[in-house]
């Protein structure tokens, strides 16, 4: 059982990374393997709606997005962290997630578990968390809860370490994520996947 961790901050070892490491430590202690990928500092192009991925199964840009797609095939979950930029996630991370999830709309990620971490100086963290969680909810991926919204606060490097409630929330997030991964694995083995066994129906209201 493995979780892919995406650090969406430009800073490799900033407050976002610190919060993600808190979740990661709990996952590892629960026997869940993790793989860390720093993406927030990369030059990642946004989706251009070419739809070539629908035929090839891969994004046409052929960059880190396809590398993450390949890793997700065997992963049990995805943990995404972002700083708050104008009450929203980092734009580089959003460009990556748009392409990652769009190019995998025909890939079965049912019951792979999704969790998010949002770091803010003050406000906008819940709005950021809401944006990130919607990627999971579109693709049959259960969203991991915690004892509070999965946010922490800090501005200067290392300041998140002073947010005791935030760090505790991260540890609970890790415990819940590990529990969900293990539970869904058992459930699928016993009952099978809940993925609907019929062709996708799309309703278009065309006049």
C-alpha atoms as a PDB file:
ATOM      1  CA  UNK A   1       0.000   0.000   0.000  1.00  0.00           C
ATOM      2  CA  UNK A   2       1.512   3.262  -1.139  1.00  0.00           C
ATOM      3  CA  UNK A   3       0.639   6.961  -1.132  1.00  0.00           C
ATOM      4  CA  UNK A   4       2.028   9.448  -3.644  1.00  0.00           C
ATOM      5  CA  UNK A   5       2.752  12.814  -1.995  1.00  0.00           C
ATOM      6  CA  UNK A   6       2.759  15.971  -4.129  1.00  0.00           C
ATOM      7  CA  UNK A   7       4.380  19.043  -2.601  1.00  0.00           C
ATOM      8  CA  UNK A   8       2.755  21.898  -4.508  1.00  0.00           C
ATOM      9  CA  UNK A   9       4.836  24.599  -2.856  1.00  0.00           C
ATOM     10  CA  UNK A  10       7.762  26.175  -4.722  1.00  0.00           C
ATOM     11  CA  UNK A  11       9.758  25.680  -1.524  1.00  0.00           C
ATOM     12  CA  UNK A  12      11.068  22.153  -1.040  1.00  0.00           C
ATOM     13  CA  UNK A  13      11.342  22.473   2.736  1.00  0.00           C
ATOM     14  CA  UNK A  14       8.833  25.166   3.631  1.00  0.00           C
ATOM     15  CA  UNK A  15       5.720  25.076   5.770  1.00  0.00           C
ATOM     16  CA  UNK A  16       3.750  22.991   3.257  1.00  0.00           C
ATOM     17  CA  UNK A  17       6.476  20.347   3.293  1.00  0.00           C
ATOM     18  CA  UNK A  18       6.541  20.387   7.085  1.00  0.00           C
ATOM     19  CA  UNK A  19       2.808  19.696   7.293  1.00  0.00           C
ATOM     20  CA  UNK A  20       3.040  16.970   4.641  1.00  0.00           C
ATOM     21  CA  UNK A  21       5.898  15.312   6.526  1.00  0.00           C
ATOM     22  CA  UNK A  22       3.689  15.204   9.625  1.00  0.00           C
ATOM     23  CA  UNK A  23       1.071  13.255   7.652  1.00  0.00           C
ATOM     24  CA  UNK A  24       3.760  11.120   6.026  1.00  0.00           C
ATOM     25  CA  UNK A  25       5.282  10.126   9.361  1.00  0.00           C
ATOM     26  CA  UNK A  26       1.913   8.866  10.559  1.00  0.00           C
ATOM     27  CA  UNK A  27       1.302   6.961   7.314  1.00  0.00           C
ATOM     28  CA  UNK A  28       4.701   5.283   7.562  1.00  0.00           C
ATOM     29  CA  UNK A  29       4.077   4.360  11.196  1.00  0.00           C
ATOM     30  CA  UNK A  30       0.859   2.675  10.038  1.00  0.00           C
ATOM     31  CA  UNK A  31       2.720   0.602   7.470  1.00  0.00           C
ATOM     32  CA  UNK A  32       1.854   2.716   4.430  1.00  0.00           C
ATOM     33  CA  UNK A  33       4.728   3.366   2.005  1.00  0.00           C
ATOM     34  CA  UNK A  34       5.107   6.905   0.643  1.00  0.00           C
ATOM     35  CA  UNK A  35       6.780   8.491  -2.368  1.00  0.00           C
ATOM     36  CA  UNK A  36       7.533  12.209  -2.302  1.00  0.00           C
ATOM     37  CA  UNK A  37       7.350  14.329  -5.471  1.00  0.00           C
ATOM     38  CA  UNK A  38       8.152  18.058  -5.378  1.00  0.00           C
ATOM     39  CA  UNK A  39       6.181  19.778  -8.147  1.00  0.00           C
ATOM     40  CA  UNK A  40       5.557  23.375  -7.031  1.00  0.00           C
ATOM     41  CA  UNK A  41       8.861  24.681  -8.425  1.00  0.00           C
ATOM     42  CA  UNK A  42       8.585  23.088 -11.879  1.00  0.00           C
ATOM     43  CA  UNK A  43       7.629  24.687 -15.186  1.00  0.00           C
ATOM     44  CA  UNK A  44       4.328  22.931 -15.861  1.00  0.00           C
ATOM     45  CA  UNK A  45       2.102  23.961 -18.757  1.00  0.00           C
ATOM     46  CA  UNK A  46      -1.652  24.110 -18.272  1.00  0.00           C
ATOM     47  CA  UNK A  47      -4.116  21.936 -20.173  1.00  0.00           C
ATOM     48  CA  UNK A  48      -4.759  23.127 -23.754  1.00  0.00           C
ATOM     49  CA  UNK A  49      -7.857  20.941 -24.307  1.00  0.00           C
ATOM     50  CA  UNK A  50      -6.312  19.088 -27.243  1.00  0.00           C
ATOM     51  CA  UNK A  51      -8.010  15.874 -26.059  1.00  0.00           C
ATOM     52  CA  UNK A  52      -5.169  13.712 -27.380  1.00  0.00           C
ATOM     53  CA  UNK A  53      -5.067  11.970 -23.999  1.00  0.00           C
ATOM     54  CA  UNK A  54      -8.489  10.477 -24.748  1.00  0.00           C
ATOM     55  CA  UNK A  55      -6.948   8.446 -27.563  1.00  0.00           C
ATOM     56  CA  UNK A  56      -3.465   7.770 -26.201  1.00  0.00           C
ATOM     57  CA  UNK A  57      -4.215   7.580 -22.473  1.00  0.00           C
ATOM     58  CA  UNK A  58      -1.359  10.014 -21.839  1.00  0.00           C
ATOM     59  CA  UNK A  59      -0.995  13.783 -21.776  1.00  0.00           C
ATOM     60  CA  UNK A  60       0.434  15.111 -25.048  1.00  0.00           C
ATOM     61  CA  UNK A  61       3.083  17.197 -23.245  1.00  0.00           C
ATOM     62  CA  UNK A  62       4.887  14.054 -22.086  1.00  0.00           C
ATOM     63  CA  UNK A  63       6.283  15.563 -18.887  1.00  0.00           C
ATOM     64  CA  UNK A  64       6.017  14.859 -15.154  1.00  0.00           C
ATOM     65  CA  UNK A  65       2.237  14.518 -15.442  1.00  0.00           C
ATOM     66  CA  UNK A  66       2.635  11.213 -17.274  1.00  0.00           C
ATOM     67  CA  UNK A  67       5.261  10.100 -14.767  1.00  0.00           C
ATOM     68  CA  UNK A  68       2.810  10.666 -11.917  1.00  0.00           C
ATOM     69  CA  UNK A  69       0.051   8.924 -13.884  1.00  0.00           C
ATOM     70  CA  UNK A  70       2.235   5.826 -14.136  1.00  0.00           C
ATOM     71  CA  UNK A  71       2.954   5.907 -10.404  1.00  0.00           C
ATOM     72  CA  UNK A  72      -0.761   6.245  -9.623  1.00  0.00           C
ATOM     73  CA  UNK A  73      -1.532   2.909 -11.280  1.00  0.00           C
ATOM     74  CA  UNK A  74      -0.089   1.045  -8.313  1.00  0.00           C
ATOM     75  CA  UNK A  75      -0.751   3.665  -5.628  1.00  0.00           C
ATOM     76  CA  UNK A  76      -3.460   3.361  -2.998  1.00  0.00           C
ATOM     77  CA  UNK A  77      -3.790   7.084  -2.435  1.00  0.00           C
ATOM     78  CA  UNK A  78      -2.719  10.624  -3.303  1.00  0.00           C
ATOM     79  CA  UNK A  79      -1.764  13.299  -0.758  1.00  0.00           C
ATOM     80  CA  UNK A  80      -1.568  16.844  -2.151  1.00  0.00           C
ATOM     81  CA  UNK A  81      -0.236  19.890  -0.303  1.00  0.00           C
ATOM     82  CA  UNK A  82      -0.345  23.525  -1.344  1.00  0.00           C
ATOM     83  CA  UNK A  83       0.288  26.991   0.039  1.00  0.00           C
ATOM     84  CA  UNK A  84      -2.571  29.448  -0.306  1.00  0.00           C
ATOM     85  CA  UNK A  85      -2.318  31.928  -3.188  1.00  0.00           C
ATOM     86  CA  UNK A  86      -5.218  34.421  -3.213  1.00  0.00           C
ATOM     87  CA  UNK A  87      -7.513  31.886  -1.463  1.00  0.00           C
ATOM     88  CA  UNK A  88      -6.632  29.184  -3.994  1.00  0.00           C
ATOM     89  CA  UNK A  89      -3.887  26.586  -4.593  1.00  0.00           C
ATOM     90  CA  UNK A  90      -0.577  27.371  -6.260  1.00  0.00           C
ATOM     91  CA  UNK A  91      -1.162  27.840 -10.015  1.00  0.00           C
ATOM     92  CA  UNK A  92       1.609  25.420 -10.968  1.00  0.00           C
ATOM     93  CA  UNK A  93      -0.047  22.704  -8.905  1.00  0.00           C
ATOM     94  CA  UNK A  94      -3.442  23.435 -10.457  1.00  0.00           C
ATOM     95  CA  UNK A  95      -1.974  23.161 -13.973  1.00  0.00           C
ATOM     96  CA  UNK A  96      -0.548  19.760 -13.049  1.00  0.00           C
ATOM     97  CA  UNK A  97      -3.745  18.488 -11.430  1.00  0.00           C
ATOM     98  CA  UNK A  98      -5.928  19.663 -14.323  1.00  0.00           C
ATOM     99  CA  UNK A  99      -3.847  17.634 -16.752  1.00  0.00           C
ATOM    100  CA  UNK A 100      -3.277  14.673 -14.424  1.00  0.00           C
ATOM    101  CA  UNK A 101      -6.944  14.120 -13.689  1.00  0.00           C
ATOM    102  CA  UNK A 102      -8.254  15.013 -17.153  1.00  0.00           C
ATOM    103  CA  UNK A 103      -5.859  12.633 -18.877  1.00  0.00           C
ATOM    104  CA  UNK A 104      -6.976   9.881 -16.484  1.00  0.00           C
ATOM    105  CA  UNK A 105     -10.738  10.325 -16.686  1.00  0.00           C
ATOM    106  CA  UNK A 106     -10.944   6.911 -18.375  1.00  0.00           C
ATOM    107  CA  UNK A 107      -8.594   5.337 -15.826  1.00  0.00           C
ATOM    108  CA  UNK A 108     -10.215   3.586 -12.884  1.00  0.00           C
ATOM    109  CA  UNK A 109      -9.055   5.325  -9.709  1.00  0.00           C
ATOM    110  CA  UNK A 110     -12.135   4.148  -7.802  1.00  0.00           C
ATOM    111  CA  UNK A 111     -11.465   3.924  -4.058  1.00  0.00           C
ATOM    112  CA  UNK A 112      -7.933   5.267  -4.315  1.00  0.00           C
ATOM    113  CA  UNK A 113      -7.900   7.626  -1.340  1.00  0.00           C
ATOM    114  CA  UNK A 114      -7.334  11.376  -1.684  1.00  0.00           C
ATOM    115  CA  UNK A 115      -6.179  13.832   0.977  1.00  0.00           C
ATOM    116  CA  UNK A 116      -5.158  17.480   0.919  1.00  0.00           C
ATOM    117  CA  UNK A 117      -3.141  19.867   3.055  1.00  0.00           C
ATOM    118  CA  UNK A 118      -3.462  23.652   2.780  1.00  0.00           C
ATOM    119  CA  UNK A 119      -1.079  26.133   4.408  1.00  0.00           C
ATOM    120  CA  UNK A 120      -1.968  29.786   4.913  1.00  0.00           C
ATOM    121  CA  UNK A 121      -0.673  32.826   6.710  1.00  0.00           C
ATOM    122  CA  UNK A 122      -4.208  33.633   7.768  1.00  0.00           C
ATOM    123  CA  UNK A 123      -7.200  33.028   5.439  1.00  0.00           C
ATOM    124  CA  UNK A 124      -8.117  31.145   2.275  1.00  0.00           C
ATOM    125  CA  UNK A 125      -7.073  27.702   3.461  1.00  0.00           C
ATOM    126  CA  UNK A 126     -10.549  26.137   3.439  1.00  0.00           C
ATOM    127  CA  UNK A 127     -11.223  27.564  -0.033  1.00  0.00           C
ATOM    128  CA  UNK A 128      -7.936  26.052  -1.207  1.00  0.00           C
ATOM    129  CA  UNK A 129      -8.824  22.702   0.358  1.00  0.00           C
ATOM    130  CA  UNK A 130     -12.216  22.797  -1.371  1.00  0.00           C
ATOM    131  CA  UNK A 131     -10.620  23.295  -4.800  1.00  0.00           C
ATOM    132  CA  UNK A 132      -8.174  20.431  -4.288  1.00  0.00           C
ATOM    133  CA  UNK A 133     -10.755  17.993  -2.954  1.00  0.00           C
ATOM    134  CA  UNK A 134     -12.956  18.421  -6.020  1.00  0.00           C
ATOM    135  CA  UNK A 135     -10.377  16.587  -8.147  1.00  0.00           C
ATOM    136  CA  UNK A 136     -10.918  13.488  -6.009  1.00  0.00           C
ATOM    137  CA  UNK A 137     -14.692  13.768  -5.874  1.00  0.00           C
ATOM    138  CA  UNK A 138     -14.885  13.761  -9.682  1.00  0.00           C
ATOM    139  CA  UNK A 139     -13.027  10.457  -9.972  1.00  0.00           C
ATOM    140  CA  UNK A 140     -14.583   8.107  -7.382  1.00  0.00           C
ATOM    141  CA  UNK A 141     -11.783   8.838  -4.909  1.00  0.00           C
ATOM    142  CA  UNK A 142     -12.931   9.090  -1.258  1.00  0.00           C
ATOM    143  CA  UNK A 143     -11.701  12.220   0.510  1.00  0.00           C
ATOM    144  CA  UNK A 144      -9.958  11.794   3.862  1.00  0.00           C
ATOM    145  CA  UNK A 145     -11.373  13.801   6.796  1.00  0.00           C
ATOM    146  CA  UNK A 146      -9.618  14.849   9.978  1.00  0.00           C
ATOM    147  CA  UNK A 147     -10.543  16.332  13.347  1.00  0.00           C
ATOM    148  CA  UNK A 148     -10.614  19.769  11.686  1.00  0.00           C
ATOM    149  CA  UNK A 149     -10.175  21.021   8.147  1.00  0.00           C
ATOM    150  CA  UNK A 150      -6.784  19.772   6.946  1.00  0.00           C
ATOM    151  CA  UNK A 151      -5.066  23.134   7.220  1.00  0.00           C
ATOM    152  CA  UNK A 152      -2.183  24.639   9.163  1.00  0.00           C
ATOM    153  CA  UNK A 153      -0.900  28.169   9.548  1.00  0.00           C
ATOM    154  CA  UNK A 154       2.504  29.744   9.079  1.00  0.00           C
ATOM    155  CA  UNK A 155       4.349  32.371   7.066  1.00  0.00           C
ATOM    156  CA  UNK A 156       8.034  32.323   7.912  1.00  0.00           C
ATOM    157  CA  UNK A 157       9.977  29.079   7.287  1.00  0.00           C
ATOM    158  CA  UNK A 158       9.240  26.543  10.017  1.00  0.00           C
ATOM    159  CA  UNK A 159       6.404  28.555  11.526  1.00  0.00           C
ATOM    160  CA  UNK A 160       3.946  25.680  11.052  1.00  0.00           C
ATOM    161  CA  UNK A 161       5.823  23.920  13.860  1.00  0.00           C
ATOM    162  CA  UNK A 162       4.182  26.402  16.260  1.00  0.00           C
ATOM    163  CA  UNK A 163       0.677  25.435  15.131  1.00  0.00           C
ATOM    164  CA  UNK A 164       0.060  22.590  17.570  1.00  0.00           C
ATOM    165  CA  UNK A 165      -3.555  22.114  16.513  1.00  0.00           C
ATOM    166  CA  UNK A 166      -2.589  22.131  12.853  1.00  0.00           C
ATOM    167  CA  UNK A 167       0.068  19.448  13.341  1.00  0.00           C
ATOM    168  CA  UNK A 168      -2.305  17.319  15.382  1.00  0.00           C
ATOM    169  CA  UNK A 169      -4.827  17.647  12.560  1.00  0.00           C
ATOM    170  CA  UNK A 170      -2.150  16.399  10.144  1.00  0.00           C
ATOM    171  CA  UNK A 171      -1.455  13.352  12.307  1.00  0.00           C
ATOM    172  CA  UNK A 172      -5.155  12.531  12.481  1.00  0.00           C
ATOM    173  CA  UNK A 173      -5.343  12.960   8.710  1.00  0.00           C
ATOM    174  CA  UNK A 174      -2.566  10.392   8.359  1.00  0.00           C
ATOM    175  CA  UNK A 175      -4.301   7.945  10.704  1.00  0.00           C
ATOM    176  CA  UNK A 176      -7.596   8.305   8.855  1.00  0.00           C
ATOM    177  CA  UNK A 177      -5.913   7.928   5.470  1.00  0.00           C
ATOM    178  CA  UNK A 178      -4.123   4.746   6.523  1.00  0.00           C
ATOM    179  CA  UNK A 179      -7.351   3.328   7.973  1.00  0.00           C
ATOM    180  CA  UNK A 180      -9.321   4.098   4.818  1.00  0.00           C
ATOM    181  CA  UNK A 181      -6.678   2.575   2.541  1.00  0.00           C
ATOM    182  CA  UNK A 182      -6.583  -0.641   4.573  1.00  0.00           C
ATOM    183  CA  UNK A 183     -10.367  -0.798   4.908  1.00  0.00           C
ATOM    184  CA  UNK A 184     -11.039  -0.245   1.206  1.00  0.00           C
ATOM    185  CA  UNK A 185      -8.439  -2.856   0.318  1.00  0.00           C
ATOM    186  CA  UNK A 186     -10.245  -5.399   2.489  1.00  0.00           C
ATOM    187  CA  UNK A 187     -13.652  -4.313   1.209  1.00  0.00           C
ATOM    188  CA  UNK A 188     -12.713  -4.604  -2.459  1.00  0.00           C
ATOM    189  CA  UNK A 189     -11.215  -8.053  -1.872  1.00  0.00           C
ATOM    190  CA  UNK A 190     -14.424  -9.215  -0.180  1.00  0.00           C
ATOM    191  CA  UNK A 191     -17.136  -7.347  -2.072  1.00  0.00           C
ATOM    192  CA  UNK A 192     -15.493  -6.113  -5.272  1.00  0.00           C
ATOM    193  CA  UNK A 193     -15.188  -2.570  -6.587  1.00  0.00           C
ATOM    194  CA  UNK A 194     -18.242  -0.292  -6.375  1.00  0.00           C
ATOM    195  CA  UNK A 195     -17.390   1.134  -9.808  1.00  0.00           C
ATOM    196  CA  UNK A 196     -20.651   1.242 -11.795  1.00  0.00           C
ATOM    197  CA  UNK A 197     -20.802  -1.541 -14.382  1.00  0.00           C
ATOM    198  CA  UNK A 198     -22.515   0.336 -17.177  1.00  0.00           C
ATOM    199  CA  UNK A 199     -21.451   2.780 -19.900  1.00  0.00           C
ATOM    200  CA  UNK A 200     -20.977   6.368 -18.784  1.00  0.00           C
ATOM    201  CA  UNK A 201     -24.074   8.464 -19.343  1.00  0.00           C
ATOM    202  CA  UNK A 202     -23.541  12.142 -20.140  1.00  0.00           C
ATOM    203  CA  UNK A 203     -26.461  14.523 -20.404  1.00  0.00           C
ATOM    204  CA  UNK A 204     -26.099  17.507 -22.745  1.00  0.00           C
ATOM    205  CA  UNK A 205     -28.893  20.037 -22.974  1.00  0.00           C
ATOM    206  CA  UNK A 206     -28.534  21.137 -26.598  1.00  0.00           C
ATOM    207  CA  UNK A 207     -31.171  23.391 -28.083  1.00  0.00           C
END
